[in-house]
Amino acid sequence: MNNKIIIAIVIVLVILGVWWLISSRPSEAPGTSATGSDKTTTINQDLGNVDVGDYTQDLEVIDQDINSL
């Protein structure tokens, strides 16, 4: 009898936990869904806007440090 009550409580808690997880997920706002090509275009634009600076000068300094070892 005691085991049945414990099992029932565990099952109810699992069901409530799953329900809580499903209901707490943020839903996507309607009309804001982007297609795959839109996302790719945005990612490519963001990558194109990345400023890496003058990396050759930084690499020369590292090369000099390595050569001095």
N, C-alpha and C. Protein backbone atom coordinates (compact mmCIF):
# COMPACT_ATOMS: atom_id res chain seq x y z
N MET A 1 0.83 -1.20 0.00
CA MET A 1 0.00 0.00 0.00
C MET A 1 0.87 1.26 0.00
N ASN A 2 1.89 1.26 0.84
CA ASN A 2 2.76 2.42 0.94
C ASN A 2 3.52 2.65 -0.36
N ASN A 3 3.97 1.56 -1.01
CA ASN A 3 4.70 1.68 -2.26
C ASN A 3 3.83 2.26 -3.36
N LYS A 4 2.55 1.89 -3.38
CA LYS A 4 1.65 2.40 -4.40
C LYS A 4 1.45 3.90 -4.27
N ILE A 5 1.37 4.39 -3.05
CA ILE A 5 1.20 5.83 -2.81
C ILE A 5 2.46 6.58 -3.27
N ILE A 6 3.63 6.04 -2.94
CA ILE A 6 4.88 6.68 -3.33
C ILE A 6 5.01 6.71 -4.85
N ILE A 7 4.69 5.61 -5.50
CA ILE A 7 4.75 5.55 -6.96
C ILE A 7 3.78 6.54 -7.58
N ALA A 8 2.58 6.64 -7.03
CA ALA A 8 1.59 7.58 -7.56
C ALA A 8 2.08 9.02 -7.41
N ILE A 9 2.68 9.34 -6.27
CA ILE A 9 3.19 10.69 -6.04
C ILE A 9 4.32 11.00 -7.02
N VAL A 10 5.21 10.04 -7.24
CA VAL A 10 6.31 10.24 -8.18
C VAL A 10 5.78 10.47 -9.59
N ILE A 11 4.81 9.69 -10.00
CA ILE A 11 4.23 9.85 -11.34
C ILE A 11 3.59 11.22 -11.49
N VAL A 12 2.86 11.66 -10.49
CA VAL A 12 2.22 12.97 -10.54
C VAL A 12 3.29 14.07 -10.62
N LEU A 13 4.36 13.93 -9.84
CA LEU A 13 5.43 14.93 -9.87
C LEU A 13 6.12 14.97 -11.22
N VAL A 14 6.33 13.82 -11.85
CA VAL A 14 6.94 13.78 -13.17
C VAL A 14 6.05 14.45 -14.19
N ILE A 15 4.78 14.17 -14.15
CA ILE A 15 3.83 14.78 -15.08
C ILE A 15 3.79 16.29 -14.88
N LEU A 16 3.76 16.75 -13.63
CA LEU A 16 3.77 18.19 -13.37
C LEU A 16 5.08 18.83 -13.83
N GLY A 17 6.20 18.13 -13.65
CA GLY A 17 7.48 18.66 -14.09
C GLY A 17 7.55 18.81 -15.59
N VAL A 18 7.06 17.81 -16.31
CA VAL A 18 7.06 17.88 -17.78
C VAL A 18 6.14 19.01 -18.24
N TRP A 19 4.98 19.12 -17.64
CA TRP A 19 4.05 20.19 -17.99
C TRP A 19 4.67 21.56 -17.74
N TRP A 20 5.37 21.71 -16.61
CA TRP A 20 6.00 22.98 -16.27
C TRP A 20 7.10 23.32 -17.27
N LEU A 21 7.91 22.33 -17.67
CA LEU A 21 8.97 22.58 -18.65
C LEU A 21 8.41 23.01 -19.99
N ILE A 22 7.36 22.35 -20.43
CA ILE A 22 6.74 22.68 -21.72
C ILE A 22 6.13 24.08 -21.68
N SER A 23 5.48 24.41 -20.59
CA SER A 23 4.80 25.70 -20.52
C SER A 23 5.77 26.85 -20.27
N SER A 24 6.97 26.59 -19.75
CA SER A 24 7.90 27.67 -19.45
C SER A 24 8.81 28.01 -20.62
N ARG A 25 8.78 27.21 -21.69
CA ARG A 25 9.60 27.52 -22.86
C ARG A 25 9.07 28.79 -23.51
N PRO A 26 9.98 29.70 -23.88
CA PRO A 26 9.51 30.92 -24.56
C PRO A 26 9.02 30.57 -25.96
N SER A 27 7.89 31.11 -26.29
CA SER A 27 7.35 30.85 -27.63
C SER A 27 7.87 31.94 -28.57
N GLU A 28 8.03 31.57 -29.81
CA GLU A 28 8.52 32.52 -30.81
C GLU A 28 7.38 33.46 -31.19
N ALA A 29 7.71 34.73 -31.28
CA ALA A 29 6.70 35.72 -31.63
C ALA A 29 6.24 35.49 -33.06
N PRO A 30 4.96 35.62 -33.32
CA PRO A 30 4.47 35.40 -34.67
C PRO A 30 5.04 36.43 -35.65
N GLY A 31 5.40 35.95 -36.81
CA GLY A 31 5.89 36.83 -37.85
C GLY A 31 7.37 37.12 -37.77
N THR A 32 8.08 36.57 -36.76
CA THR A 32 9.50 36.85 -36.64
C THR A 32 10.34 35.67 -37.07
N SER A 33 9.71 34.65 -37.55
CA SER A 33 10.45 33.47 -37.98
C SER A 33 11.19 33.76 -39.28
N ALA A 34 12.48 33.48 -39.29
CA ALA A 34 13.29 33.72 -40.48
C ALA A 34 13.53 32.39 -41.18
N THR A 35 13.58 32.44 -42.47
CA THR A 35 13.86 31.22 -43.22
C THR A 35 15.35 30.93 -43.15
N GLY A 36 15.74 29.76 -43.60
CA GLY A 36 17.14 29.37 -43.56
C GLY A 36 18.04 30.29 -44.34
N SER A 37 17.60 30.72 -45.52
CA SER A 37 18.44 31.61 -46.33
C SER A 37 18.54 32.99 -45.70
N ASP A 38 17.48 33.46 -45.01
CA ASP A 38 17.55 34.74 -44.32
C ASP A 38 18.57 34.69 -43.20
N LYS A 39 18.60 33.58 -42.47
CA LYS A 39 19.56 33.42 -41.38
C LYS A 39 20.98 33.38 -41.94
N THR A 40 21.16 32.67 -43.05
CA THR A 40 22.49 32.57 -43.65
C THR A 40 22.97 33.93 -44.12
N THR A 41 22.10 34.69 -44.73
CA THR A 41 22.46 36.03 -45.19
C THR A 41 22.85 36.91 -44.02
N THR A 42 22.10 36.84 -42.94
CA THR A 42 22.41 37.64 -41.76
C THR A 42 23.75 37.24 -41.16
N ILE A 43 24.00 35.95 -41.08
CA ILE A 43 25.27 35.46 -40.53
C ILE A 43 26.43 35.91 -41.41
N ASN A 44 26.27 35.81 -42.73
CA ASN A 44 27.34 36.24 -43.64
C ASN A 44 27.60 37.74 -43.52
N GLN A 45 26.55 38.54 -43.34
CA GLN A 45 26.74 39.98 -43.17
C GLN A 45 27.48 40.26 -41.86
N ASP A 46 27.10 39.55 -40.80
CA ASP A 46 27.78 39.74 -39.52
C ASP A 46 29.24 39.35 -39.61
N LEU A 47 29.53 38.26 -40.30
CA LEU A 47 30.92 37.84 -40.47
C LEU A 47 31.71 38.85 -41.30
N GLY A 48 31.06 39.43 -42.28
CA GLY A 48 31.72 40.43 -43.11
C GLY A 48 32.03 41.71 -42.35
N ASN A 49 31.26 41.99 -41.31
CA ASN A 49 31.46 43.20 -40.53
C ASN A 49 32.48 43.03 -39.40
N VAL A 50 33.03 41.84 -39.24
CA VAL A 50 34.00 41.60 -38.18
C VAL A 50 35.31 42.29 -38.53
N ASP A 51 35.82 43.06 -37.58
CA ASP A 51 37.10 43.76 -37.79
C ASP A 51 38.18 43.00 -37.04
N VAL A 52 39.09 42.36 -37.78
CA VAL A 52 40.16 41.60 -37.16
C VAL A 52 41.40 42.45 -36.94
N GLY A 53 41.39 43.67 -37.38
CA GLY A 53 42.51 44.57 -37.18
C GLY A 53 43.71 44.17 -38.01
N ASP A 54 44.89 44.61 -37.57
CA ASP A 54 46.13 44.30 -38.28
C ASP A 54 46.75 43.07 -37.64
N TYR A 55 46.29 41.92 -38.05
CA TYR A 55 46.76 40.68 -37.44
C TYR A 55 48.17 40.31 -37.88
N THR A 56 48.63 40.79 -39.02
CA THR A 56 49.99 40.44 -39.47
C THR A 56 51.04 41.04 -38.54
N GLN A 57 50.81 42.25 -38.04
CA GLN A 57 51.74 42.87 -37.11
C GLN A 57 51.78 42.07 -35.81
N ASP A 58 50.63 41.63 -35.34
CA ASP A 58 50.58 40.82 -34.12
C ASP A 58 51.32 39.50 -34.31
N LEU A 59 51.16 38.89 -35.48
CA LEU A 59 51.83 37.63 -35.75
C LEU A 59 53.35 37.82 -35.85
N GLU A 60 53.79 38.96 -36.38
CA GLU A 60 55.23 39.23 -36.46
C GLU A 60 55.84 39.33 -35.06
N VAL A 61 55.13 39.95 -34.15
CA VAL A 61 55.60 40.06 -32.76
C VAL A 61 55.70 38.67 -32.15
N ILE A 62 54.72 37.84 -32.39
CA ILE A 62 54.75 36.46 -31.87
C ILE A 62 55.90 35.69 -32.48
N ASP A 63 56.12 35.85 -33.78
CA ASP A 63 57.24 35.17 -34.45
C ASP A 63 58.58 35.61 -33.86
N GLN A 64 58.72 36.88 -33.58
CA GLN A 64 59.95 37.37 -32.97
C GLN A 64 60.16 36.78 -31.58
N ASP A 65 59.09 36.68 -30.82
CA ASP A 65 59.18 36.10 -29.48
C ASP A 65 59.57 34.63 -29.57
N ILE A 66 58.99 33.91 -30.52
CA ILE A 66 59.31 32.50 -30.68
C ILE A 66 60.75 32.32 -31.13
N ASN A 67 61.22 33.15 -32.04
CA ASN A 67 62.59 33.06 -32.52
C ASN A 67 63.62 33.40 -31.44
N SER A 68 63.21 34.19 -30.46
CA SER A 68 64.13 34.55 -29.39
C SER A 68 64.28 33.43 -28.36
N LEU A 69 63.48 32.43 -28.43
CA LEU A 69 63.57 31.32 -27.47
C LEU A 69 64.77 30.45 -27.71
